PDB file of N, CA and C in Angstrom:
ATOM      1  N   MET A   1     151.370  66.168  69.264  1.00  0.00           N
ATOM      2  CA  MET A   1     151.586  68.132  69.134  1.00  0.00           C
ATOM      3  C   MET A   1     149.994  68.384  70.017  1.00  0.00           C
ATOM      4  N   ALA A   2     149.861  69.670  70.283  1.00  0.00           N
ATOM      5  CA  ALA A   2     148.581  69.759  71.373  1.00  0.00           C
ATOM      6  C   ALA A   2     148.469  71.288  70.731  1.00  0.00           C
ATOM      7  N   ILE A   3     147.239  71.265  69.944  1.00  0.00           N
ATOM      8  CA  ILE A   3     146.659  73.225  69.947  1.00  0.00           C
ATOM      9  C   ILE A   3     145.467  73.473  70.298  1.00  0.00           C
ATOM     10  N   PHE A   4     145.041  73.888  71.365  1.00  0.00           N
ATOM     11  CA  PHE A   4     144.300  74.302  72.024  1.00  0.00           C
ATOM     12  C   PHE A   4     143.693  75.586  71.837  1.00  0.00           C
ATOM     13  N   ASP A   5     142.512  76.238  71.144  1.00  0.00           N
ATOM     14  CA  ASP A   5     142.446  77.296  71.142  1.00  0.00           C
ATOM     15  C   ASP A   5     140.794  77.355  72.277  1.00  0.00           C
ATOM     16  N   PHE A   6     140.771  78.644  73.063  1.00  0.00           N
ATOM     17  CA  PHE A   6     139.996  78.896  74.171  1.00  0.00           C
ATOM     18  C   PHE A   6     139.510  80.031  74.161  1.00  0.00           C
ATOM     19  N   LYS A   7     138.040  80.582  74.473  1.00  0.00           N
ATOM     20  CA  LYS A   7     137.636  82.114  74.711  1.00  0.00           C
ATOM     21  C   LYS A   7     138.056  82.884  76.084  1.00  0.00           C
ATOM     22  N   ILE A   8     138.705  83.687  75.763  1.00  0.00           N
ATOM     23  CA  ILE A   8     138.992  84.456  77.197  1.00  0.00           C
ATOM     24  C   ILE A   8     137.582  84.864  78.183  1.00  0.00           C
ATOM     25  N   GLN A   9     137.764  84.333  79.131  1.00  0.00           N
ATOM     26  CA  GLN A   9     136.545  84.983  79.785  1.00  0.00           C
ATOM     27  C   GLN A   9     136.721  85.943  80.712  1.00  0.00           C
ATOM     28  N   LYS A  10     138.080  85.943  81.334  1.00  0.00           N
ATOM     29  CA  LYS A  10     138.029  87.387  82.142  1.00  0.00           C
ATOM     30  C   LYS A  10     139.420  87.160  82.941  1.00  0.00           C
ATOM     31  N   TYR A  11     140.002  87.998  82.841  1.00  0.00           N
ATOM     32  CA  TYR A  11     141.869  88.574  83.170  1.00  0.00           C
ATOM     33  C   TYR A  11     141.858  89.748  84.180  1.00  0.00           C
ATOM     34  N   LYS A  12     143.400  89.007  84.670  1.00  0.00           N
ATOM     35  CA  LYS A  12     143.381  89.795  86.320  1.00  0.00           C
ATOM     36  C   LYS A  12     144.943  91.044  85.714  1.00  0.00           C
ATOM     37  N   VAL A  13     145.345  92.032  85.964  1.00  0.00           N
ATOM     38  CA  VAL A  13     146.435  92.656  85.888  1.00  0.00           C
ATOM     39  C   VAL A  13     147.005  92.768  86.884  1.00  0.00           C
ATOM     40  N   ARG A  14     148.341  92.868  87.000  1.00  0.00           N
ATOM     41  CA  ARG A  14     149.386  93.127  88.105  1.00  0.00           C
ATOM     42  C   ARG A  14     150.328  94.006  86.755  1.00  0.00           C
ATOM     43  N   ILE A  15     151.134  95.025  87.883  1.00  0.00           N
ATOM     44  CA  ILE A  15     151.599  96.363  87.456  1.00  0.00           C
ATOM     45  C   ILE A  15     152.204  96.543  88.395  1.00  0.00           C
ATOM     46  N   GLY A  16     154.120  96.885  88.695  1.00  0.00           N
ATOM     47  CA  GLY A  16     154.812  96.957  89.534  1.00  0.00           C
ATOM     48  C   GLY A  16     156.070  96.732  89.076  1.00  0.00           C
ATOM     49  N   ASN A  17     157.232  97.370  90.077  1.00  0.00           N
ATOM     50  CA  ASN A  17     158.482  96.378  90.029  1.00  0.00           C
ATOM     51  C   ASN A  17     159.100  95.217  90.922  1.00  0.00           C
ATOM     52  N   ASN A  18     159.478  94.713  90.388  1.00  0.00           N
ATOM     53  CA  ASN A  18     159.892  93.484  90.750  1.00  0.00           C
ATOM     54  C   ASN A  18     158.772  92.095  91.427  1.00  0.00           C
ATOM     55  N   LEU A  19     157.849  92.127  90.631  1.00  0.00           N
ATOM     56  CA  LEU A  19     156.944  91.483  91.038  1.00  0.00           C
ATOM     57  C   LEU A  19     157.621  89.576  90.281  1.00  0.00           C
ATOM     58  N   THR A  20     156.791  89.277  91.778  1.00  0.00           N
ATOM     59  CA  THR A  20     157.314  87.619  91.133  1.00  0.00           C
ATOM     60  C   THR A  20     156.079  86.521  91.271  1.00  0.00           C
ATOM     61  N   ASP A  21     156.004  85.561  90.389  1.00  0.00           N
ATOM     62  CA  ASP A  21     155.212  84.610  90.195  1.00  0.00           C
ATOM     63  C   ASP A  21     155.909  83.487  89.805  1.00  0.00           C
ATOM     64  N   GLU A  22     155.209  82.088  90.362  1.00  0.00           N
ATOM     65  CA  GLU A  22     155.401  81.317  90.253  1.00  0.00           C
ATOM     66  C   GLU A  22     154.166  80.503  90.043  1.00  0.00           C
ATOM     67  N   TYR A  23     154.171  79.224  89.067  1.00  0.00           N
ATOM     68  CA  TYR A  23     152.979  78.228  89.111  1.00  0.00           C
ATOM     69  C   TYR A  23     153.561  76.787  89.207  1.00  0.00           C
ATOM     70  N   GLY A  24     155.543  76.471  89.827  1.00  0.00           N
ATOM     71  CA  GLY A  24     155.639  75.398  90.137  1.00  0.00           C
ATOM     72  C   GLY A  24     155.936  74.755  89.283  1.00  0.00           C
ATOM     73  N   TYR A  25     155.869  75.258  87.917  1.00  0.00           N
ATOM     74  CA  TYR A  25     157.099  75.252  86.934  1.00  0.00           C
ATOM     75  C   TYR A  25     157.942  75.878  85.930  1.00  0.00           C
ATOM     76  N   ILE A  26     157.869  77.073  86.909  1.00  0.00           N
ATOM     77  CA  ILE A  26     158.143  78.391  86.076  1.00  0.00           C
ATOM     78  C   ILE A  26     158.123  79.555  86.982  1.00  0.00           C
ATOM     79  N   SER A  27     158.711  80.243  87.330  1.00  0.00           N
ATOM     80  CA  SER A  27     159.588  81.335  88.446  1.00  0.00           C
ATOM     81  C   SER A  27     159.705  82.760  87.328  1.00  0.00           C
ATOM     82  N   VAL A  28     159.597  83.575  87.644  1.00  0.00           N
ATOM     83  CA  VAL A  28     158.902  84.592  86.975  1.00  0.00           C
ATOM     84  C   VAL A  28     159.541  86.027  87.663  1.00  0.00           C
ATOM     85  N   VAL A  29     160.236  87.081  87.270  1.00  0.00           N
ATOM     86  CA  VAL A  29     160.090  88.408  87.623  1.00  0.00           C
ATOM     87  C   VAL A  29     159.919  89.520  86.966  1.00  0.00           C
ATOM     88  N   MET A  30     159.193  90.178  86.776  1.00  0.00           N
ATOM     89  CA  MET A  30     158.332  91.069  86.288  1.00  0.00           C
ATOM     90  C   MET A  30     158.046  92.294  86.487  1.00  0.00           C
ATOM     91  N   ARG A  31     157.710  93.063  85.323  1.00  0.00           N
ATOM     92  CA  ARG A  31     157.091  94.094  86.098  1.00  0.00           C
ATOM     93  C   ARG A  31     155.667  94.790  85.488  1.00  0.00           C
ATOM     94  N   GLY A  32     155.351  93.179  85.017  1.00  0.00           N
ATOM     95  CA  GLY A  32     153.662  93.604  84.712  1.00  0.00           C
ATOM     96  C   GLY A  32     153.051  92.111  84.264  1.00  0.00           C
ATOM     97  N   MET A  33     151.981  91.571  84.624  1.00  0.00           N
ATOM     98  CA  MET A  33     151.288  90.614  84.081  1.00  0.00           C
ATOM     99  C   MET A  33     149.741  90.884  83.804  1.00  0.00           C
ATOM    100  N   ILE A  34     149.380  89.977  82.961  1.00  0.00           N
ATOM    101  CA  ILE A  34     147.690  89.947  82.253  1.00  0.00           C
ATOM    102  C   ILE A  34     147.663  88.670  82.662  1.00  0.00           C
ATOM    103  N   ASP A  35     146.440  87.715  83.353  1.00  0.00           N
ATOM    104  CA  ASP A  35     146.512  86.396  83.932  1.00  0.00           C
ATOM    105  C   ASP A  35     145.132  86.514  83.153  1.00  0.00           C
ATOM    106  N   CYS A  36     144.825  85.077  81.717  1.00  0.00           N
ATOM    107  CA  CYS A  36     143.670  85.219  81.505  1.00  0.00           C
ATOM    108  C   CYS A  36     143.478  83.529  81.699  1.00  0.00           C
ATOM    109  N   LEU A  37     141.871  83.669  81.924  1.00  0.00           N
ATOM    110  CA  LEU A  37     141.267  82.830  81.828  1.00  0.00           C
ATOM    111  C   LEU A  37     139.832  82.071  81.591  1.00  0.00           C
ATOM    112  N   GLY A  38     140.121  80.923  80.961  1.00  0.00           N
ATOM    113  CA  GLY A  38     138.337  80.617  80.324  1.00  0.00           C
ATOM    114  C   GLY A  38     138.146  79.850  80.451  1.00  0.00           C
ATOM    115  N   PHE A  39     137.006  79.119  80.242  1.00  0.00           N
ATOM    116  CA  PHE A  39     136.605  77.962  80.848  1.00  0.00           C
ATOM    117  C   PHE A  39     137.163  76.860  81.051  1.00  0.00           C
ATOM    118  N   ASP A  40     136.920  75.902  82.481  1.00  0.00           N
ATOM    119  CA  ASP A  40     137.502  74.462  82.386  1.00  0.00           C
ATOM    120  C   ASP A  40     139.063  74.845  83.199  1.00  0.00           C
ATOM    121  N   GLU A  41     139.674  75.757  83.486  1.00  0.00           N
ATOM    122  CA  GLU A  41     140.667  76.209  84.024  1.00  0.00           C
ATOM    123  C   GLU A  41     141.845  76.177  83.011  1.00  0.00           C
ATOM    124  N   ASP A  42     141.424  76.494  81.753  1.00  0.00           N
ATOM    125  CA  ASP A  42     142.156  77.409  80.861  1.00  0.00           C
ATOM    126  C   ASP A  42     142.617  78.369  81.230  1.00  0.00           C
ATOM    127  N   ARG A  43     143.851  78.610  80.480  1.00  0.00           N
ATOM    128  CA  ARG A  43     144.969  79.324  81.204  1.00  0.00           C
ATOM    129  C   ARG A  43     145.979  80.180  80.277  1.00  0.00           C
ATOM    130  N   ILE A  44     146.262  81.682  80.051  1.00  0.00           N
ATOM    131  CA  ILE A  44     147.043  81.988  79.034  1.00  0.00           C
ATOM    132  C   ILE A  44     147.834  83.392  80.235  1.00  0.00           C
ATOM    133  N   THR A  45     148.847  83.181  80.205  1.00  0.00           N
ATOM    134  CA  THR A  45     149.519  84.521  81.322  1.00  0.00           C
ATOM    135  C   THR A  45     150.445  85.182  80.323  1.00  0.00           C
ATOM    136  N   LEU A  46     150.470  86.573  80.193  1.00  0.00           N
ATOM    137  CA  LEU A  46     151.149  86.947  79.768  1.00  0.00           C
ATOM    138  C   LEU A  46     151.889  87.855  80.846  1.00  0.00           C
ATOM    139  N   TYR A  47     153.444  87.793  80.643  1.00  0.00           N
ATOM    140  CA  TYR A  47     154.400  88.573  81.598  1.00  0.00           C
ATOM    141  C   TYR A  47     155.362  89.503  80.680  1.00  0.00           C
ATOM    142  N   PHE A  48     155.179  90.434  81.056  1.00  0.00           N
ATOM    143  CA  PHE A  48     155.575  91.910  80.746  1.00  0.00           C
ATOM    144  C   PHE A  48     157.079  92.012  81.229  1.00  0.00           C
ATOM    145  N   LEU A  49     158.525  91.856  80.815  1.00  0.00           N
ATOM    146  CA  LEU A  49     159.662  92.277  81.283  1.00  0.00           C
ATOM    147  C   LEU A  49     160.104  93.289  80.560  1.00  0.00           C
ATOM    148  N   ASP A  50     161.328  93.682  81.043  1.00  0.00           N
ATOM    149  CA  ASP A  50     162.162  94.921  80.666  1.00  0.00           C
ATOM    150  C   ASP A  50     163.213  94.008  80.132  1.00  0.00           C
ATOM    151  N   ASN A  51     163.323  93.216  79.753  1.00  0.00           N
ATOM    152  CA  ASN A  51     164.711  92.702  79.038  1.00  0.00           C
ATOM    153  C   ASN A  51     164.546  92.918  77.702  1.00  0.00           C
ATOM    154  N   LYS A  52     165.545  92.833  77.402  1.00  0.00           N
ATOM    155  CA  LYS A  52     165.824  92.835  75.452  1.00  0.00           C
ATOM    156  C   LYS A  52     165.740  91.586  74.978  1.00  0.00           C
ATOM    157  N   ILE A  53     166.084  90.747  75.523  1.00  0.00           N
ATOM    158  CA  ILE A  53     165.839  89.303  75.465  1.00  0.00           C
ATOM    159  C   ILE A  53     164.787  88.779  76.107  1.00  0.00           C
ATOM    160  N   LEU A  54     163.807  87.985  75.250  1.00  0.00           N
ATOM    161  CA  LEU A  54     162.694  87.588  76.461  1.00  0.00           C
ATOM    162  C   LEU A  54     162.618  85.618  76.436  1.00  0.00           C
ATOM    163  N   PRO A  55     162.663  85.334  77.529  1.00  0.00           N
ATOM    164  CA  PRO A  55     162.258  84.070  77.285  1.00  0.00           C
ATOM    165  C   PRO A  55     161.355  83.467  76.399  1.00  0.00           C
ATOM    166  N   LYS A  56     161.729  82.581  75.261  1.00  0.00           N
ATOM    167  CA  LYS A  56     160.572  81.530  74.607  1.00  0.00           C
ATOM    168  C   LYS A  56     159.187  81.194  75.577  1.00  0.00           C
ATOM    169  N   GLN A  57     158.499  81.588  74.565  1.00  0.00           N
ATOM    170  CA  GLN A  57     156.517  81.291  75.140  1.00  0.00           C
ATOM    171  C   GLN A  57     156.812  79.552  75.238  1.00  0.00           C
ATOM    172  N   ALA A  58     155.923  79.246  75.849  1.00  0.00           N
ATOM    173  CA  ALA A  58     155.188  78.193  76.465  1.00  0.00           C
ATOM    174  C   ALA A  58     154.059  77.763  76.215  1.00  0.00           C
ATOM    175  N   TYR A  59     153.850  76.538  76.183  1.00  0.00           N
ATOM    176  CA  TYR A  59     152.126  76.053  76.551  1.00  0.00           C
ATOM    177  C   TYR A  59     152.667  74.504  77.214  1.00  0.00           C
ATOM    178  N   PHE A  60     152.008  74.450  78.085  1.00  0.00           N
ATOM    179  CA  PHE A  60     151.887  73.259  78.915  1.00  0.00           C
ATOM    180  C   PHE A  60     150.078  72.620  78.897  1.00  0.00           C
ATOM    181  N   PRO A  61     150.546  71.543  78.176  1.00  0.00           N
ATOM    182  CA  PRO A  61     148.792  70.977  77.505  1.00  0.00           C
ATOM    183  C   PRO A  61     148.347  70.661  78.823  1.00  0.00           C
ATOM    184  N   ASP A  62     149.085  69.803  79.683  1.00  0.00           N
ATOM    185  CA  ASP A  62     148.388  68.839  80.727  1.00  0.00           C
ATOM    186  C   ASP A  62     148.040  70.233  81.655  1.00  0.00           C
ATOM    187  N   LYS A  63     148.825  70.976  82.040  1.00  0.00           N
ATOM    188  CA  LYS A  63     148.078  71.639  82.577  1.00  0.00           C
ATOM    189  C   LYS A  63     147.136  73.341  82.665  1.00  0.00           C
ATOM    190  N   LYS A  64     147.078  73.093  81.058  1.00  0.00           N
ATOM    191  CA  LYS A  64     146.314  73.752  80.015  1.00  0.00           C
ATOM    192  C   LYS A  64     146.655  75.336  80.686  1.00  0.00           C
ATOM    193  N   HIS A  65     147.469  75.914  80.408  1.00  0.00           N
ATOM    194  CA  HIS A  65     148.230  76.955  80.636  1.00  0.00           C
ATOM    195  C   HIS A  65     149.030  77.305  79.533  1.00  0.00           C
ATOM    196  N   ALA A  66     149.226  78.350  78.861  1.00  0.00           N
ATOM    197  CA  ALA A  66     150.144  79.037  77.688  1.00  0.00           C
ATOM    198  C   ALA A  66     150.423  80.288  78.744  1.00  0.00           C
ATOM    199  N   ILE A  67     152.189  80.605  77.956  1.00  0.00           N
ATOM    200  CA  ILE A  67     152.957  81.387  78.691  1.00  0.00           C
ATOM    201  C   ILE A  67     153.388  82.307  77.919  1.00  0.00           C
ATOM    202  N   MET A  68     152.998  83.509  77.597  1.00  0.00           N
ATOM    203  CA  MET A  68     153.845  84.546  76.749  1.00  0.00           C
ATOM    204  C   MET A  68     154.429  85.592  77.356  1.00  0.00           C
ATOM    205  N   PHE A  69     155.973  86.037  77.011  1.00  0.00           N
ATOM    206  CA  PHE A  69     156.709  86.538  77.246  1.00  0.00           C
ATOM    207  C   PHE A  69     156.857  88.074  76.505  1.00  0.00           C
ATOM    208  N   LEU A  70     156.643  89.081  77.147  1.00  0.00           N
ATOM    209  CA  LEU A  70     156.533  90.204  76.269  1.00  0.00           C
ATOM    210  C   LEU A  70     157.019  91.131  76.880  1.00  0.00           C
ATOM    211  N   PRO A  71     157.804  92.666  75.864  1.00  0.00           N
ATOM    212  CA  PRO A  71     158.083  93.843  76.612  1.00  0.00           C
ATOM    213  C   PRO A  71     156.968  94.223  77.233  1.00  0.00           C
ATOM    214  N   PHE A  72     157.431  94.941  78.295  1.00  0.00           N
ATOM    215  CA  PHE A  72     156.503  95.884  79.192  1.00  0.00           C
ATOM    216  C   PHE A  72     156.031  97.035  78.122  1.00  0.00           C
ATOM    217  N   SER A  73     156.423  97.363  77.419  1.00  0.00           N
ATOM    218  CA  SER A  73     156.073  98.496  76.444  1.00  0.00           C
ATOM    219  C   SER A  73     155.065  98.281  75.743  1.00  0.00           C
ATOM    220  N   ASP A  74     154.186  96.857  75.772  1.00  0.00           N
ATOM    221  CA  ASP A  74     153.309  96.522  75.069  1.00  0.00           C
ATOM    222  C   ASP A  74     152.308  96.092  76.233  1.00  0.00           C
ATOM    223  N   ILE A  75     152.197  96.099  77.037  1.00  0.00           N
ATOM    224  CA  ILE A  75     151.230  96.144  78.176  1.00  0.00           C
ATOM    225  C   ILE A  75     149.781  97.121  78.003  1.00  0.00           C
ATOM    226  N   THR A  76     149.922  98.137  77.955  1.00  0.00           N
ATOM    227  CA  THR A  76     148.516  98.874  77.390  1.00  0.00           C
ATOM    228  C   THR A  76     148.465  98.034  76.133  1.00  0.00           C
ATOM    229  N   LEU A  77     148.620  97.835  75.358  1.00  0.00           N
ATOM    230  CA  LEU A  77     148.173  97.328  74.273  1.00  0.00           C
ATOM    231  C   LEU A  77     147.317  95.926  74.172  1.00  0.00           C
ATOM    232  N   TYR A  78     147.775  95.281  74.988  1.00  0.00           N
ATOM    233  CA  TYR A  78     146.734  94.084  75.352  1.00  0.00           C
ATOM    234  C   TYR A  78     145.417  94.076  76.293  1.00  0.00           C
ATOM    235  N   ILE A  79     146.322  95.528  77.498  1.00  0.00           N
ATOM    236  CA  ILE A  79     145.238  95.369  78.253  1.00  0.00           C
ATOM    237  C   ILE A  79     143.831  96.377  77.303  1.00  0.00           C
ATOM    238  N   ASP A  80     144.112  97.025  76.247  1.00  0.00           N
ATOM    239  CA  ASP A  80     143.238  97.756  76.142  1.00  0.00           C
ATOM    240  C   ASP A  80     142.513  96.483  74.661  1.00  0.00           C
ATOM    241  N   ILE A  81     143.106  95.552  74.313  1.00  0.00           N
ATOM    242  CA  ILE A  81     142.334  94.758  73.404  1.00  0.00           C
ATOM    243  C   ILE A  81     141.617  93.598  74.418  1.00  0.00           C
ATOM    244  N   LEU A  82     141.609  93.188  75.752  1.00  0.00           N
ATOM    245  CA  LEU A  82     140.702  92.956  76.640  1.00  0.00           C
ATOM    246  C   LEU A  82     139.681  93.665  77.024  1.00  0.00           C
ATOM    247  N   ARG A  83     139.748  94.714  77.034  1.00  0.00           N
ATOM    248  CA  ARG A  83     138.743  95.570  77.656  1.00  0.00           C
ATOM    249  C   ARG A  83     138.074  96.142  76.873  1.00  0.00           C
ATOM    250  N   ASN A  84     138.480  96.466  75.625  1.00  0.00           N
ATOM    251  CA  ASN A  84     137.496  97.047  74.301  1.00  0.00           C
ATOM    252  C   ASN A  84     136.887  96.206  73.424  1.00  0.00           C
ATOM    253  N   GLU A  85     137.663  94.272  73.015  1.00  0.00           N
ATOM    254  CA  GLU A  85     137.080  93.521  72.204  1.00  0.00           C
ATOM    255  C   GLU A  85     136.650  92.470  72.758  1.00  0.00           C
ATOM    256  N   LYS A  86     135.430  92.230  71.982  1.00  0.00           N
ATOM    257  CA  LYS A  86     135.039  90.969  71.805  1.00  0.00           C
ATOM    258  C   LYS A  86     134.270  89.920  70.917  1.00  0.00           C
ATOM    259  N   PRO A  87     134.171  89.053  70.570  1.00  0.00           N
ATOM    260  CA  PRO A  87     135.609  87.592  71.789  1.00  0.00           C
ATOM    261  C   PRO A  87     136.785  87.923  71.456  1.00  0.00           C
ATOM    262  N   VAL A  88     137.568  87.423  72.518  1.00  0.00           N
ATOM    263  CA  VAL A  88     138.853  87.279  72.134  1.00  0.00           C
ATOM    264  C   VAL A  88     139.371  86.331  72.795  1.00  0.00           C
ATOM    265  N   TYR A  89     139.963  85.444  71.779  1.00  0.00           N
ATOM    266  CA  TYR A  89     140.423  83.878  72.550  1.00  0.00           C
ATOM    267  C   TYR A  89     142.199  84.008  72.628  1.00  0.00           C
ATOM    268  N   ALA A  90     142.317  82.465  72.862  1.00  0.00           N
ATOM    269  CA  ALA A  90     143.770  82.281  73.169  1.00  0.00           C
ATOM    270  C   ALA A  90     144.317  81.244  72.466  1.00  0.00           C
ATOM    271  N   HIS A  91     145.231  81.237  71.536  1.00  0.00           N
ATOM    272  CA  HIS A  91     145.309  80.355  70.648  1.00  0.00           C
ATOM    273  C   HIS A  91     147.302  80.020  70.784  1.00  0.00           C
ATOM    274  N   CYS A  92     146.813  78.640  71.374  1.00  0.00           N
ATOM    275  CA  CYS A  92     147.953  77.404  72.257  1.00  0.00           C
ATOM    276  C   CYS A  92     148.669  76.099  71.470  1.00  0.00           C
ATOM    277  N   ASP A  93     149.612  76.537  71.259  1.00  0.00           N
ATOM    278  CA  ASP A  93     150.508  75.591  70.247  1.00  0.00           C
ATOM    279  C   ASP A  93     151.693  74.779  71.082  1.00  0.00           C
ATOM    280  N   SER A  94     151.511  73.831  71.192  1.00  0.00           N
ATOM    281  CA  SER A  94     153.006  73.591  71.879  1.00  0.00           C
ATOM    282  C   SER A  94     153.959  72.908  71.214  1.00  0.00           C
ATOM    283  N   GLU A  95     153.532  73.168  69.748  1.00  0.00           N
ATOM    284  CA  GLU A  95     154.993  72.759  68.846  1.00  0.00           C
ATOM    285  C   GLU A  95     155.594  73.707  68.331  1.00  0.00           C
ATOM    286  N   SER A  96     154.675  74.688  68.467  1.00  0.00           N
ATOM    287  CA  SER A  96     155.003  76.369  67.674  1.00  0.00           C
ATOM    288  C   SER A  96     154.943  77.271  68.851  1.00  0.00           C
ATOM    289  N   PRO A  97     155.760  77.238  70.054  1.00  0.00           N
ATOM    290  CA  PRO A  97     155.093  78.476  70.861  1.00  0.00           C
ATOM    291  C   PRO A  97     154.925  79.486  70.761  1.00  0.00           C
ATOM    292  N   ASP A  98     155.726  79.667  69.317  1.00  0.00           N
ATOM    293  CA  ASP A  98     156.106  81.337  68.626  1.00  0.00           C
ATOM    294  C   ASP A  98     154.737  82.014  68.647  1.00  0.00           C
ATOM    295  N   ARG A  99     153.353  80.349  67.950  1.00  0.00           N
ATOM    296  CA  ARG A  99     151.902  80.443  67.763  1.00  0.00           C
ATOM    297  C   ARG A  99     151.351  81.108  68.482  1.00  0.00           C
ATOM    298  N   ILE A 100     151.595  81.109  70.035  1.00  0.00           N
ATOM    299  CA  ILE A 100     151.080  81.698  71.317  1.00  0.00           C
ATOM    300  C   ILE A 100     150.334  83.113  70.992  1.00  0.00           C
ATOM    301  N   GLU A 101     149.113  82.876  70.554  1.00  0.00           N
ATOM    302  CA  GLU A 101     148.438  84.600  70.599  1.00  0.00           C
ATOM    303  C   GLU A 101     147.261  84.497  70.951  1.00  0.00           C
ATOM    304  N   ILE A 102     147.252  86.327  70.948  1.00  0.00           N
ATOM    305  CA  ILE A 102     145.614  86.752  71.971  1.00  0.00           C
ATOM    306  C   ILE A 102     144.956  86.641  70.164  1.00  0.00           C
ATOM    307  N   ILE A 103     143.673  86.522  69.960  1.00  0.00           N
ATOM    308  CA  ILE A 103     142.722  86.668  68.848  1.00  0.00           C
ATOM    309  C   ILE A 103     141.724  86.582  69.001  1.00  0.00           C
ATOM    310  N   THR A 104     141.178  88.510  68.260  1.00  0.00           N
ATOM    311  CA  THR A 104     139.794  89.247  68.461  1.00  0.00           C
ATOM    312  C   THR A 104     138.654  88.303  67.331  1.00  0.00           C
ATOM    313  N   GLY A 105     137.602  88.315  67.423  1.00  0.00           N
ATOM    314  CA  GLY A 105     136.726  87.675  66.712  1.00  0.00           C
ATOM    315  C   GLY A 105     136.408  88.793  65.154  1.00  0.00           C
ATOM    316  N   TYR A 106     135.797  87.956  64.696  1.00  0.00           N
ATOM    317  CA  TYR A 106     135.863  89.245  63.447  1.00  0.00           C
ATOM    318  C   TYR A 106     134.578  90.285  63.851  1.00  0.00           C
ATOM    319  N   GLU A 107     135.465  91.203  63.200  1.00  0.00           N
ATOM    320  CA  GLU A 107     134.330  92.472  63.681  1.00  0.00           C
ATOM    321  C   GLU A 107     133.765  93.362  62.319  1.00  0.00           C
ATOM    322  N   LYS A 108     132.981  93.822  62.159  1.00  0.00           N
ATOM    323  CA  LYS A 108     132.492  94.848  61.169  1.00  0.00           C
ATOM    324  C   LYS A 108     133.286  96.383  60.684  1.00  0.00           C
ATOM    325  N   VAL A 109     133.858  96.352  59.489  1.00  0.00           N
ATOM    326  CA  VAL A 109     134.413  97.708  59.556  1.00  0.00           C
ATOM    327  C   VAL A 109     133.776  99.048  60.134  1.00  0.00           C
ATOM    328  N   GLY A 110     134.191  99.610  60.803  1.00  0.00           N
ATOM    329  CA  GLY A 110     133.438 101.270  61.216  1.00  0.00           C
ATOM    330  C   GLY A 110     132.473 100.432  62.412  1.00  0.00           C
ATOM    331  N   GLU A 111     132.275  99.559  63.023  1.00  0.00           N
ATOM    332  CA  GLU A 111     131.530  99.308  63.873  1.00  0.00           C
ATOM    333  C   GLU A 111     132.332  99.589  65.176  1.00  0.00           C
ATOM    334  N   GLU A 112     130.955 100.692  66.012  1.00  0.00           N
ATOM    335  CA  GLU A 112     131.399 101.144  67.282  1.00  0.00           C
ATOM    336  C   GLU A 112     131.616  99.821  68.164  1.00  0.00           C
ATOM    337  N   GLU A 113     132.713  99.725  69.423  1.00  0.00           N
ATOM    338  CA  GLU A 113     132.449  99.504  70.525  1.00  0.00           C
ATOM    339  C   GLU A 113     130.836  98.922  70.720  1.00  0.00           C
ATOM    340  N   GLY A 114     129.894  97.903  70.708  1.00  0.00           N
ATOM    341  CA  GLY A 114     129.195  97.796  72.062  1.00  0.00           C
ATOM    342  C   GLY A 114     127.706  98.420  70.982  1.00  0.00           C
ATOM    343  N   ARG A 115     128.007  98.656  69.831  1.00  0.00           N
ATOM    344  CA  ARG A 115     126.912  99.508  69.115  1.00  0.00           C
ATOM    345  C   ARG A 115     126.116  98.641  67.992  1.00  0.00           C
ATOM    346  N   GLY A 116     126.730  97.713  66.954  1.00  0.00           N
ATOM    347  CA  GLY A 116     126.636  97.060  66.490  1.00  0.00           C
ATOM    348  C   GLY A 116     126.056  95.535  66.742  1.00  0.00           C
ATOM    349  N   THR A 117     125.733  95.019  65.628  1.00  0.00           N
ATOM    350  CA  THR A 117     125.283  93.284  66.035  1.00  0.00           C
ATOM    351  C   THR A 117     126.528  92.716  65.646  1.00  0.00           C
ATOM    352  N   ALA A 118     126.909  91.640  66.978  1.00  0.00           N
ATOM    353  CA  ALA A 118     128.318  91.357  66.537  1.00  0.00           C
ATOM    354  C   ALA A 118     128.327  89.916  65.662  1.00  0.00           C
ATOM    355  N   ALA A 119     129.315  89.586  65.159  1.00  0.00           N
ATOM    356  CA  ALA A 119     128.468  87.976  64.835  1.00  0.00           C
ATOM    357  C   ALA A 119     128.760  87.233  65.847  1.00  0.00           C
ATOM    358  N   PRO A 120     128.380  86.151  65.633  1.00  0.00           N
ATOM    359  CA  PRO A 120     128.205  84.988  66.238  1.00  0.00           C
ATOM    360  C   PRO A 120     129.844  84.819  66.574  1.00  0.00           C
ATOM    361  N   ASP A 121     129.962  83.705  68.090  1.00  0.00           N
ATOM    362  CA  ASP A 121     131.454  83.513  68.333  1.00  0.00           C
ATOM    363  C   ASP A 121     132.116  82.571  67.673  1.00  0.00           C
ATOM    364  N   GLU A 122     132.693  82.756  66.951  1.00  0.00           N
ATOM    365  CA  GLU A 122     133.320  82.084  66.023  1.00  0.00           C
ATOM    366  C   GLU A 122     134.571  82.944  65.720  1.00  0.00           C
ATOM    367  N   LEU A 123     136.082  81.611  66.010  1.00  0.00           N
ATOM    368  CA  LEU A 123     137.261  82.008  65.887  1.00  0.00           C
ATOM    369  C   LEU A 123     137.536  82.492  64.711  1.00  0.00           C
ATOM    370  N   PRO A 124     138.483  83.232  64.683  1.00  0.00           N
ATOM    371  CA  PRO A 124     138.832  83.599  63.118  1.00  0.00           C
ATOM    372  C   PRO A 124     139.853  82.529  62.407  1.00  0.00           C
ATOM    373  N   PRO A 125     140.333  82.581  61.369  1.00  0.00           N
ATOM    374  CA  PRO A 125     141.215  81.443  61.277  1.00  0.00           C
ATOM    375  C   PRO A 125     142.818  82.198  61.441  1.00  0.00           C
ATOM    376  N   HIS A 126     143.695  81.245  61.322  1.00  0.00           N
ATOM    377  CA  HIS A 126     145.167  81.726  61.721  1.00  0.00           C
ATOM    378  C   HIS A 126     146.321  81.887  60.501  1.00  0.00           C
TER     379      HIS A 126
END
């Protein structure tokens, strides 16, 4: 069993029609993608599809790469989280790929983004 959490450091967004992506162990046709990187080549890729039935999520511990498949209608939600929240983490579990997720750190109620004193970078409990 491989469980891994990492802090997302940067991300890239692709949006279009019939985009393709291939990592050698997976090939995807999608409408959008958010590729998130941590330190040491840790990666979580979110593929946004029009399919009503989505492929299962996957985590490849040897590649340090988690993959989520989500409806295209959710892409703005994830862009908003990555753009406005800090810190943001990826949680990856090879035994329970349905538990691959994006997690924010705790924030004080009513705190405006970038105005308050943020809590130390601590991973919230699952």
